[in-house]
């Protein structure tokens, strides 16, 4: 496995993608210790508090079609916790149409910035537009991960541009305690964007899903789903399994009180906010099966 490069100024492809066009630029990757306490002395992988190596996902990412209960994976029954359909936004308030009433709030990182706008033509009815310029995001209530052994997150995503490290969601307590999904991410080995999922407690970074592809930037609607059911993790795009990992140890509840739960914003201030149209954002306790994900992806 190649070493990750941290704390150096390097030239990579910053994909501001319009079709397949990329723009080369120079940027500085943060120190590895900024993320999970690693150092050059431990081989660039980092260690937990017991000295156990924190290893990147690589060969641990498997392509296993039609996984889930059919593969003998023990999934807890999925229960809808949060559902933002973006149909009836009032001011900055995003109603939760599940039975839990976990209302979201439209926000911007900019003083005097413009809040996200309703998309009149979403995937199902109305959606939400995050323009990427006004640093817009949706804030969810705190502590949504408490007590969760497993979780699933699904959403419809429509992108025409990509910037590395954008977040679809980032549920965090600090820059070292988080769980996130990035449709563009970054793949250090390839030196290019790559869809990424990761979860970190203050003492451990679980193996990361790092792909060489991104959620397409073709201005079409694509369904994304992630299922975290330690030791398993699944990622689906348009109902098709793209990755299956079997070495996860951190449960959502292990992150404790996450008071910064965001759609479209990262725990790291230097990361770009999401530029996309989104619809039907859902968080489940428990694990969706492959067939349940497929059924959602066929929604018209």
C-alpha atoms as a PDB file:
ATOM      1  CA  UNK A   1       0.000   0.000   0.000  1.00  0.00           C
ATOM      2  CA  UNK A   2       1.367   3.435  -0.893  1.00  0.00           C
ATOM      3  CA  UNK A   3       2.029   5.974   1.800  1.00  0.00           C
ATOM      4  CA  UNK A   4      -0.415   8.842   2.161  1.00  0.00           C
ATOM      5  CA  UNK A   5       1.119  12.284   1.738  1.00  0.00           C
ATOM      6  CA  UNK A   6       0.380  14.793   4.456  1.00  0.00           C
ATOM      7  CA  UNK A   7       1.759  18.221   5.291  1.00  0.00           C
ATOM      8  CA  UNK A   8       3.268  18.843   1.843  1.00  0.00           C
ATOM      9  CA  UNK A   9       2.479  21.276  -0.934  1.00  0.00           C
ATOM     10  CA  UNK A  10       1.749  19.187  -4.013  1.00  0.00           C
ATOM     11  CA  UNK A  11       0.131  19.646  -7.398  1.00  0.00           C
ATOM     12  CA  UNK A  12      -2.944  17.511  -7.938  1.00  0.00           C
ATOM     13  CA  UNK A  13      -6.044  17.649 -10.070  1.00  0.00           C
ATOM     14  CA  UNK A  14      -8.697  19.763  -8.401  1.00  0.00           C
ATOM     15  CA  UNK A  15     -11.705  18.571 -10.292  1.00  0.00           C
ATOM     16  CA  UNK A  16     -14.093  21.386 -11.008  1.00  0.00           C
ATOM     17  CA  UNK A  17     -15.801  19.036 -13.351  1.00  0.00           C
ATOM     18  CA  UNK A  18     -17.922  20.155 -16.231  1.00  0.00           C
ATOM     19  CA  UNK A  19     -18.162  16.929 -18.129  1.00  0.00           C
ATOM     20  CA  UNK A  20     -14.633  15.549 -17.826  1.00  0.00           C
ATOM     21  CA  UNK A  21     -12.599  18.763 -17.556  1.00  0.00           C
ATOM     22  CA  UNK A  22     -10.184  19.056 -14.645  1.00  0.00           C
ATOM     23  CA  UNK A  23      -8.099  22.027 -13.537  1.00  0.00           C
ATOM     24  CA  UNK A  24      -4.621  21.501 -12.124  1.00  0.00           C
ATOM     25  CA  UNK A  25      -3.808  23.463  -9.021  1.00  0.00           C
ATOM     26  CA  UNK A  26      -1.434  23.501  -6.080  1.00  0.00           C
ATOM     27  CA  UNK A  27      -2.666  22.892  -2.579  1.00  0.00           C
ATOM     28  CA  UNK A  28      -1.416  21.767   0.798  1.00  0.00           C
ATOM     29  CA  UNK A  29      -2.694  18.631   2.467  1.00  0.00           C
ATOM     30  CA  UNK A  30      -3.086  18.965   6.249  1.00  0.00           C
ATOM     31  CA  UNK A  31      -0.882  17.143   8.677  1.00  0.00           C
ATOM     32  CA  UNK A  32      -1.977  13.577   9.303  1.00  0.00           C
ATOM     33  CA  UNK A  33      -2.043  14.265  13.030  1.00  0.00           C
ATOM     34  CA  UNK A  34      -4.716  16.883  12.381  1.00  0.00           C
ATOM     35  CA  UNK A  35      -7.021  14.015  11.485  1.00  0.00           C
ATOM     36  CA  UNK A  36      -6.232  11.093  13.760  1.00  0.00           C
ATOM     37  CA  UNK A  37      -2.971  11.568  15.613  1.00  0.00           C
ATOM     38  CA  UNK A  38      -0.752   9.693  13.180  1.00  0.00           C
ATOM     39  CA  UNK A  39       2.833  10.605  12.394  1.00  0.00           C
ATOM     40  CA  UNK A  40       5.626   9.777  10.022  1.00  0.00           C
ATOM     41  CA  UNK A  41       7.089   7.476  12.655  1.00  0.00           C
ATOM     42  CA  UNK A  42       4.126   5.122  12.635  1.00  0.00           C
ATOM     43  CA  UNK A  43       4.234   4.570   8.889  1.00  0.00           C
ATOM     44  CA  UNK A  44       1.700   7.219   7.960  1.00  0.00           C
ATOM     45  CA  UNK A  45      -1.204   5.087   9.175  1.00  0.00           C
ATOM     46  CA  UNK A  46      -1.797   6.458  12.670  1.00  0.00           C
ATOM     47  CA  UNK A  47      -2.421   4.510  15.853  1.00  0.00           C
ATOM     48  CA  UNK A  48      -5.170   4.245  18.396  1.00  0.00           C
ATOM     49  CA  UNK A  49      -4.600   4.715  22.108  1.00  0.00           C
ATOM     50  CA  UNK A  50      -3.441   1.114  22.474  1.00  0.00           C
ATOM     51  CA  UNK A  51      -0.826   1.428  19.732  1.00  0.00           C
ATOM     52  CA  UNK A  52      -2.897  -0.503  17.196  1.00  0.00           C
ATOM     53  CA  UNK A  53      -2.210   0.574  13.642  1.00  0.00           C
ATOM     54  CA  UNK A  54      -4.989   2.508  11.933  1.00  0.00           C
ATOM     55  CA  UNK A  55      -5.027   1.092   8.428  1.00  0.00           C
ATOM     56  CA  UNK A  56      -6.562   2.556   5.288  1.00  0.00           C
ATOM     57  CA  UNK A  57      -9.074   0.550   3.328  1.00  0.00           C
ATOM     58  CA  UNK A  58      -7.538  -0.996   0.248  1.00  0.00           C
ATOM     59  CA  UNK A  59      -7.757  -4.698  -0.336  1.00  0.00           C
ATOM     60  CA  UNK A  60     -10.325  -4.734   2.461  1.00  0.00           C
ATOM     61  CA  UNK A  61     -12.875  -3.163   0.109  1.00  0.00           C
ATOM     62  CA  UNK A  62     -14.668  -5.995  -1.629  1.00  0.00           C
ATOM     63  CA  UNK A  63     -17.040  -6.036  -4.582  1.00  0.00           C
ATOM     64  CA  UNK A  64     -19.745  -8.394  -3.359  1.00  0.00           C
ATOM     65  CA  UNK A  65     -23.062  -8.104  -5.219  1.00  0.00           C
ATOM     66  CA  UNK A  66     -26.414  -8.399  -3.456  1.00  0.00           C
ATOM     67  CA  UNK A  67     -25.005  -8.374   0.073  1.00  0.00           C
ATOM     68  CA  UNK A  68     -26.992  -7.795   3.254  1.00  0.00           C
ATOM     69  CA  UNK A  69     -29.085 -10.402   4.986  1.00  0.00           C
ATOM     70  CA  UNK A  70     -28.697 -12.763   2.039  1.00  0.00           C
ATOM     71  CA  UNK A  71     -24.954 -12.884   2.743  1.00  0.00           C
ATOM     72  CA  UNK A  72     -25.479 -13.759   6.408  1.00  0.00           C
ATOM     73  CA  UNK A  73     -24.821 -10.215   7.641  1.00  0.00           C
ATOM     74  CA  UNK A  74     -26.609  -9.459  10.900  1.00  0.00           C
ATOM     75  CA  UNK A  75     -28.527  -6.263  10.230  1.00  0.00           C
ATOM     76  CA  UNK A  76     -30.832  -4.663  12.758  1.00  0.00           C
ATOM     77  CA  UNK A  77     -34.240  -3.808  11.318  1.00  0.00           C
ATOM     78  CA  UNK A  78     -34.028  -0.355   9.748  1.00  0.00           C
ATOM     79  CA  UNK A  79     -36.268   2.277  11.361  1.00  0.00           C
ATOM     80  CA  UNK A  80     -36.663   5.693   9.748  1.00  0.00           C
ATOM     81  CA  UNK A  81     -35.318   8.343  12.143  1.00  0.00           C
ATOM     82  CA  UNK A  82     -35.077  11.440   9.949  1.00  0.00           C
ATOM     83  CA  UNK A  83     -36.691  12.193   6.600  1.00  0.00           C
ATOM     84  CA  UNK A  84     -36.263  15.546   4.876  1.00  0.00           C
ATOM     85  CA  UNK A  85     -38.378  15.628   1.713  1.00  0.00           C
ATOM     86  CA  UNK A  86     -37.894  19.424   1.339  1.00  0.00           C
ATOM     87  CA  UNK A  87     -41.525  19.863   0.295  1.00  0.00           C
ATOM     88  CA  UNK A  88     -42.652  22.397   2.893  1.00  0.00           C
ATOM     89  CA  UNK A  89     -39.666  24.493   3.949  1.00  0.00           C
ATOM     90  CA  UNK A  90     -40.728  27.565   5.921  1.00  0.00           C
ATOM     91  CA  UNK A  91     -38.076  30.256   6.311  1.00  0.00           C
ATOM     92  CA  UNK A  92     -35.005  28.348   7.492  1.00  0.00           C
ATOM     93  CA  UNK A  93     -36.965  25.407   8.919  1.00  0.00           C
ATOM     94  CA  UNK A  94     -36.822  21.992   7.225  1.00  0.00           C
ATOM     95  CA  UNK A  95     -39.595  19.734   8.569  1.00  0.00           C
ATOM     96  CA  UNK A  96     -38.810  16.133   9.414  1.00  0.00           C
ATOM     97  CA  UNK A  97     -41.642  14.079   7.938  1.00  0.00           C
ATOM     98  CA  UNK A  98     -40.724  10.960   9.925  1.00  0.00           C
ATOM     99  CA  UNK A  99     -42.471  10.450  13.252  1.00  0.00           C
ATOM    100  CA  UNK A 100     -39.534  11.834  15.245  1.00  0.00           C
ATOM    101  CA  UNK A 101     -39.803  15.551  14.549  1.00  0.00           C
ATOM    102  CA  UNK A 102     -36.035  16.120  14.189  1.00  0.00           C
ATOM    103  CA  UNK A 103     -36.329  19.423  12.351  1.00  0.00           C
ATOM    104  CA  UNK A 104     -33.432  20.676  10.235  1.00  0.00           C
ATOM    105  CA  UNK A 105     -32.256  24.278   9.819  1.00  0.00           C
ATOM    106  CA  UNK A 106     -30.987  25.958   6.635  1.00  0.00           C
ATOM    107  CA  UNK A 107     -27.709  27.792   7.228  1.00  0.00           C
ATOM    108  CA  UNK A 108     -24.725  29.476   5.589  1.00  0.00           C
ATOM    109  CA  UNK A 109     -21.164  29.893   6.843  1.00  0.00           C
ATOM    110  CA  UNK A 110     -20.985  33.412   5.385  1.00  0.00           C
ATOM    111  CA  UNK A 111     -22.072  36.525   7.253  1.00  0.00           C
ATOM    112  CA  UNK A 112     -25.013  37.809   5.288  1.00  0.00           C
ATOM    113  CA  UNK A 113     -24.889  34.778   3.007  1.00  0.00           C
ATOM    114  CA  UNK A 114     -27.887  33.462   1.109  1.00  0.00           C
ATOM    115  CA  UNK A 115     -29.648  30.433   2.570  1.00  0.00           C
ATOM    116  CA  UNK A 116     -30.217  27.291   0.482  1.00  0.00           C
ATOM    117  CA  UNK A 117     -33.170  27.560  -1.892  1.00  0.00           C
ATOM    118  CA  UNK A 118     -35.996  25.168  -2.609  1.00  0.00           C
ATOM    119  CA  UNK A 119     -35.547  23.249  -5.844  1.00  0.00           C
ATOM    120  CA  UNK A 120     -38.949  23.358  -7.580  1.00  0.00           C
ATOM    121  CA  UNK A 121     -38.130  20.197  -9.549  1.00  0.00           C
ATOM    122  CA  UNK A 122     -36.449  17.686  -7.256  1.00  0.00           C
ATOM    123  CA  UNK A 123     -36.302  13.947  -7.720  1.00  0.00           C
ATOM    124  CA  UNK A 124     -39.631  13.501  -5.916  1.00  0.00           C
ATOM    125  CA  UNK A 125     -41.607  16.723  -5.846  1.00  0.00           C
ATOM    126  CA  UNK A 126     -39.439  19.558  -4.528  1.00  0.00           C
ATOM    127  CA  UNK A 127     -35.808  19.325  -3.488  1.00  0.00           C
ATOM    128  CA  UNK A 128     -33.064  21.572  -2.113  1.00  0.00           C
ATOM    129  CA  UNK A 129     -30.303  23.498  -3.892  1.00  0.00           C
ATOM    130  CA  UNK A 130     -26.907  23.940  -2.237  1.00  0.00           C
ATOM    131  CA  UNK A 131     -25.053  26.334  -4.550  1.00  0.00           C
ATOM    132  CA  UNK A 132     -21.505  25.891  -3.225  1.00  0.00           C
ATOM    133  CA  UNK A 133     -20.881  29.645  -3.469  1.00  0.00           C
ATOM    134  CA  UNK A 134     -22.730  30.824  -0.380  1.00  0.00           C
ATOM    135  CA  UNK A 135     -21.286  27.978   1.731  1.00  0.00           C
ATOM    136  CA  UNK A 136     -24.752  26.618   2.434  1.00  0.00           C
ATOM    137  CA  UNK A 137     -25.689  23.591   4.502  1.00  0.00           C
ATOM    138  CA  UNK A 138     -28.440  22.030   6.602  1.00  0.00           C
ATOM    139  CA  UNK A 139     -27.954  21.610  10.331  1.00  0.00           C
ATOM    140  CA  UNK A 140     -29.574  18.594  12.004  1.00  0.00           C
ATOM    141  CA  UNK A 141     -30.378  18.373  15.732  1.00  0.00           C
ATOM    142  CA  UNK A 142     -27.618  17.233  18.122  1.00  0.00           C
ATOM    143  CA  UNK A 143     -27.080  13.724  19.495  1.00  0.00           C
ATOM    144  CA  UNK A 144     -28.747  11.886  16.613  1.00  0.00           C
ATOM    145  CA  UNK A 145     -26.263   8.992  16.863  1.00  0.00           C
ATOM    146  CA  UNK A 146     -26.729   8.241  20.557  1.00  0.00           C
ATOM    147  CA  UNK A 147     -27.635   4.601  21.159  1.00  0.00           C
ATOM    148  CA  UNK A 148     -27.207   3.523  17.524  1.00  0.00           C
ATOM    149  CA  UNK A 149     -25.369   0.255  16.935  1.00  0.00           C
ATOM    150  CA  UNK A 150     -26.003   0.547  13.202  1.00  0.00           C
ATOM    151  CA  UNK A 151     -27.164   3.275  10.846  1.00  0.00           C
ATOM    152  CA  UNK A 152     -28.101   3.825   7.221  1.00  0.00           C
ATOM    153  CA  UNK A 153     -28.182   7.089   5.270  1.00  0.00           C
ATOM    154  CA  UNK A 154     -29.760   7.535   1.840  1.00  0.00           C
ATOM    155  CA  UNK A 155     -30.261  10.516  -0.453  1.00  0.00           C
ATOM    156  CA  UNK A 156     -30.881  11.540  -4.048  1.00  0.00           C
ATOM    157  CA  UNK A 157     -28.006  13.647  -5.382  1.00  0.00           C
ATOM    158  CA  UNK A 158     -27.753  15.689  -8.596  1.00  0.00           C
ATOM    159  CA  UNK A 159     -24.353  17.219  -9.369  1.00  0.00           C
ATOM    160  CA  UNK A 160     -22.832  19.047 -12.307  1.00  0.00           C
ATOM    161  CA  UNK A 161     -19.586  20.094 -10.607  1.00  0.00           C
ATOM    162  CA  UNK A 162     -17.229  18.390  -8.169  1.00  0.00           C
ATOM    163  CA  UNK A 163     -14.702  19.726  -5.709  1.00  0.00           C
ATOM    164  CA  UNK A 164     -12.580  17.386  -3.578  1.00  0.00           C
ATOM    165  CA  UNK A 165     -13.677  16.775   0.017  1.00  0.00           C
ATOM    166  CA  UNK A 166     -17.262  17.960  -0.407  1.00  0.00           C
ATOM    167  CA  UNK A 167     -19.575  16.303   2.104  1.00  0.00           C
ATOM    168  CA  UNK A 168     -23.033  14.920   1.573  1.00  0.00           C
ATOM    169  CA  UNK A 169     -23.167  14.532   5.334  1.00  0.00           C
ATOM    170  CA  UNK A 170     -20.794  14.999   8.241  1.00  0.00           C
ATOM    171  CA  UNK A 171     -21.986  14.158  11.746  1.00  0.00           C
ATOM    172  CA  UNK A 172     -19.317  15.288  14.186  1.00  0.00           C
ATOM    173  CA  UNK A 173     -18.363  16.433  17.645  1.00  0.00           C
ATOM    174  CA  UNK A 174     -14.954  17.840  16.675  1.00  0.00           C
ATOM    175  CA  UNK A 175     -12.348  17.653  13.884  1.00  0.00           C
ATOM    176  CA  UNK A 176     -11.304  14.246  15.270  1.00  0.00           C
ATOM    177  CA  UNK A 177     -14.725  12.731  16.084  1.00  0.00           C
ATOM    178  CA  UNK A 178     -16.906  12.290  13.034  1.00  0.00           C
ATOM    179  CA  UNK A 179     -18.599  10.097  10.474  1.00  0.00           C
ATOM    180  CA  UNK A 180     -18.891  11.407   6.937  1.00  0.00           C
ATOM    181  CA  UNK A 181     -19.631  10.544   3.328  1.00  0.00           C
ATOM    182  CA  UNK A 182     -17.992  12.525   0.536  1.00  0.00           C
ATOM    183  CA  UNK A 183     -19.275  11.953  -3.020  1.00  0.00           C
ATOM    184  CA  UNK A 184     -15.989  13.333  -4.407  1.00  0.00           C
ATOM    185  CA  UNK A 185     -13.532  12.834  -1.535  1.00  0.00           C
ATOM    186  CA  UNK A 186      -9.905  12.293  -2.509  1.00  0.00           C
ATOM    187  CA  UNK A 187      -7.908   9.181  -3.357  1.00  0.00           C
ATOM    188  CA  UNK A 188      -4.278   9.771  -2.366  1.00  0.00           C
ATOM    189  CA  UNK A 189      -2.962   6.739  -4.252  1.00  0.00           C
ATOM    190  CA  UNK A 190      -4.639   7.815  -7.491  1.00  0.00           C
ATOM    191  CA  UNK A 191      -3.975  11.507  -6.915  1.00  0.00           C
ATOM    192  CA  UNK A 192      -7.546  12.260  -7.939  1.00  0.00           C
ATOM    193  CA  UNK A 193     -11.052  12.564  -6.502  1.00  0.00           C
ATOM    194  CA  UNK A 194     -12.672   9.384  -5.198  1.00  0.00           C
ATOM    195  CA  UNK A 195     -15.855   8.721  -3.248  1.00  0.00           C
ATOM    196  CA  UNK A 196     -15.003   8.331   0.417  1.00  0.00           C
ATOM    197  CA  UNK A 197     -16.552   7.230   3.709  1.00  0.00           C
ATOM    198  CA  UNK A 198     -14.888   7.343   7.098  1.00  0.00           C
ATOM    199  CA  UNK A 199     -15.659   7.209  10.810  1.00  0.00           C
ATOM    200  CA  UNK A 200     -13.347   8.309  13.614  1.00  0.00           C
ATOM    201  CA  UNK A 201     -13.555   8.397  17.361  1.00  0.00           C
ATOM    202  CA  UNK A 202     -11.051  10.431  19.349  1.00  0.00           C
ATOM    203  CA  UNK A 203      -8.761   7.381  19.650  1.00  0.00           C
ATOM    204  CA  UNK A 204      -9.345   5.386  16.484  1.00  0.00           C
ATOM    205  CA  UNK A 205      -9.863   5.817  12.751  1.00  0.00           C
ATOM    206  CA  UNK A 206     -11.629   2.840  11.220  1.00  0.00           C
ATOM    207  CA  UNK A 207     -10.551   1.658   7.753  1.00  0.00           C
ATOM    208  CA  UNK A 208     -11.800   4.081   5.148  1.00  0.00           C
ATOM    209  CA  UNK A 209     -13.675   3.421   1.939  1.00  0.00           C
ATOM    210  CA  UNK A 210     -11.646   5.199  -0.746  1.00  0.00           C
ATOM    211  CA  UNK A 211     -12.745   4.610  -4.327  1.00  0.00           C
ATOM    212  CA  UNK A 212     -11.312   5.708  -7.654  1.00  0.00           C
ATOM    213  CA  UNK A 213     -14.697   6.868  -8.937  1.00  0.00           C
ATOM    214  CA  UNK A 214     -17.017   9.668  -7.852  1.00  0.00           C
ATOM    215  CA  UNK A 215     -20.769  10.130  -7.841  1.00  0.00           C
ATOM    216  CA  UNK A 216     -21.349  11.184 -11.479  1.00  0.00           C
ATOM    217  CA  UNK A 217     -21.389  14.899 -12.263  1.00  0.00           C
ATOM    218  CA  UNK A 218     -23.798  14.624 -15.177  1.00  0.00           C
ATOM    219  CA  UNK A 219     -26.686  16.758 -13.874  1.00  0.00           C
ATOM    220  CA  UNK A 220     -28.753  13.596 -13.426  1.00  0.00           C
ATOM    221  CA  UNK A 221     -30.299  12.235 -10.231  1.00  0.00           C
ATOM    222  CA  UNK A 222     -28.323   9.466  -8.532  1.00  0.00           C
ATOM    223  CA  UNK A 223     -29.296   7.525  -5.426  1.00  0.00           C
ATOM    224  CA  UNK A 224     -26.588   7.037  -2.807  1.00  0.00           C
ATOM    225  CA  UNK A 225     -26.831   4.818   0.273  1.00  0.00           C
ATOM    226  CA  UNK A 226     -24.389   3.927   3.028  1.00  0.00           C
ATOM    227  CA  UNK A 227     -25.003   1.221   5.624  1.00  0.00           C
ATOM    228  CA  UNK A 228     -22.744   1.017   8.690  1.00  0.00           C
ATOM    229  CA  UNK A 229     -23.317  -2.230  10.584  1.00  0.00           C
ATOM    230  CA  UNK A 230     -19.986  -3.147  12.205  1.00  0.00           C
ATOM    231  CA  UNK A 231     -18.035  -5.123  11.255  1.00  0.00           C
ATOM    232  CA  UNK A 232     -19.715  -4.453   7.899  1.00  0.00           C
ATOM    233  CA  UNK A 233     -20.010  -1.348   5.773  1.00  0.00           C
ATOM    234  CA  UNK A 234     -21.844  -1.112   2.441  1.00  0.00           C
ATOM    235  CA  UNK A 235     -21.948   1.631  -0.174  1.00  0.00           C
ATOM    236  CA  UNK A 236     -24.538   1.619  -2.960  1.00  0.00           C
ATOM    237  CA  UNK A 237     -24.870   3.876  -6.003  1.00  0.00           C
ATOM    238  CA  UNK A 238     -28.183   3.779  -7.872  1.00  0.00           C
ATOM    239  CA  UNK A 239     -29.105   0.588  -6.030  1.00  0.00           C
ATOM    240  CA  UNK A 240     -25.913  -1.237  -7.012  1.00  0.00           C
ATOM    241  CA  UNK A 241     -23.388  -2.245  -4.382  1.00  0.00           C
ATOM    242  CA  UNK A 242     -20.062  -0.515  -5.015  1.00  0.00           C
ATOM    243  CA  UNK A 243     -18.125  -1.464  -1.881  1.00  0.00           C
ATOM    244  CA  UNK A 244     -18.346  -3.851   1.064  1.00  0.00           C
ATOM    245  CA  UNK A 245     -15.934  -3.680   3.983  1.00  0.00           C
ATOM    246  CA  UNK A 246     -15.799  -6.273   6.752  1.00  0.00           C
ATOM    247  CA  UNK A 247     -13.365  -4.770   9.267  1.00  0.00           C
ATOM    248  CA  UNK A 248     -15.277  -1.908  10.903  1.00  0.00           C
ATOM    249  CA  UNK A 249     -15.183  -1.569  14.694  1.00  0.00           C
ATOM    250  CA  UNK A 250     -16.630   1.847  15.525  1.00  0.00           C
ATOM    251  CA  UNK A 251     -20.396   1.972  16.033  1.00  0.00           C
ATOM    252  CA  UNK A 252     -22.293   5.235  15.519  1.00  0.00           C
ATOM    253  CA  UNK A 253     -23.040   5.416  19.251  1.00  0.00           C
ATOM    254  CA  UNK A 254     -19.293   5.387  19.985  1.00  0.00           C
ATOM    255  CA  UNK A 255     -19.075   8.977  18.772  1.00  0.00           C
ATOM    256  CA  UNK A 256     -21.121  10.113  21.754  1.00  0.00           C
ATOM    257  CA  UNK A 257     -22.830  13.491  21.583  1.00  0.00           C
ATOM    258  CA  UNK A 258     -22.386  14.887  18.078  1.00  0.00           C
ATOM    259  CA  UNK A 259     -23.500  18.502  18.245  1.00  0.00           C
ATOM    260  CA  UNK A 260     -22.511  19.420  14.683  1.00  0.00           C
ATOM    261  CA  UNK A 261     -24.576  17.252  12.363  1.00  0.00           C
ATOM    262  CA  UNK A 262     -24.553  18.677   8.862  1.00  0.00           C
ATOM    263  CA  UNK A 263     -25.732  18.047   5.321  1.00  0.00           C
ATOM    264  CA  UNK A 264     -23.332  19.681   2.877  1.00  0.00           C
ATOM    265  CA  UNK A 265     -20.682  20.863   5.364  1.00  0.00           C
ATOM    266  CA  UNK A 266     -17.464  19.286   6.653  1.00  0.00           C
ATOM    267  CA  UNK A 267     -16.009  19.183  10.158  1.00  0.00           C
ATOM    268  CA  UNK A 268     -12.876  20.680   8.602  1.00  0.00           C
ATOM    269  CA  UNK A 269     -13.243  24.393   7.918  1.00  0.00           C
ATOM    270  CA  UNK A 270     -10.990  24.322   4.848  1.00  0.00           C
ATOM    271  CA  UNK A 271     -13.181  21.810   2.995  1.00  0.00           C
ATOM    272  CA  UNK A 272     -15.620  23.145   0.430  1.00  0.00           C
ATOM    273  CA  UNK A 273     -19.342  23.023   1.058  1.00  0.00           C
ATOM    274  CA  UNK A 274     -21.443  20.858  -1.212  1.00  0.00           C
ATOM    275  CA  UNK A 275     -22.543  22.110  -4.615  1.00  0.00           C
ATOM    276  CA  UNK A 276     -25.527  19.954  -5.591  1.00  0.00           C
ATOM    277  CA  UNK A 277     -29.260  19.501  -5.742  1.00  0.00           C
ATOM    278  CA  UNK A 278     -30.463  17.013  -3.139  1.00  0.00           C
ATOM    279  CA  UNK A 279     -33.739  15.338  -2.293  1.00  0.00           C
ATOM    280  CA  UNK A 280     -35.227  12.758   0.064  1.00  0.00           C
ATOM    281  CA  UNK A 281     -32.464  12.771   2.690  1.00  0.00           C
ATOM    282  CA  UNK A 282     -33.059   9.941   5.165  1.00  0.00           C
ATOM    283  CA  UNK A 283     -31.320   8.601   8.252  1.00  0.00           C
ATOM    284  CA  UNK A 284     -32.245   5.173   9.617  1.00  0.00           C
ATOM    285  CA  UNK A 285     -31.348   3.372  12.800  1.00  0.00           C
ATOM    286  CA  UNK A 286     -30.358  -0.157  11.851  1.00  0.00           C
ATOM    287  CA  UNK A 287     -29.192  -1.470   8.504  1.00  0.00           C
ATOM    288  CA  UNK A 288     -31.003  -1.363   5.190  1.00  0.00           C
ATOM    289  CA  UNK A 289     -30.732  -4.579   3.201  1.00  0.00           C
ATOM    290  CA  UNK A 290     -29.575  -4.587  -0.408  1.00  0.00           C
ATOM    291  CA  UNK A 291     -33.146  -5.159  -1.566  1.00  0.00           C
ATOM    292  CA  UNK A 292     -34.431  -2.249   0.517  1.00  0.00           C
ATOM    293  CA  UNK A 293     -31.768   0.032  -0.970  1.00  0.00           C
ATOM    294  CA  UNK A 294     -32.636  -1.202  -4.465  1.00  0.00           C
ATOM    295  CA  UNK A 295     -36.307  -0.437  -3.847  1.00  0.00           C
ATOM    296  CA  UNK A 296     -35.483   3.147  -2.783  1.00  0.00           C
ATOM    297  CA  UNK A 297     -33.258   3.602  -5.831  1.00  0.00           C
ATOM    298  CA  UNK A 298     -36.176   2.661  -8.097  1.00  0.00           C
ATOM    299  CA  UNK A 299     -38.338   5.400  -6.607  1.00  0.00           C
ATOM    300  CA  UNK A 300     -39.769   7.709  -9.260  1.00  0.00           C
END
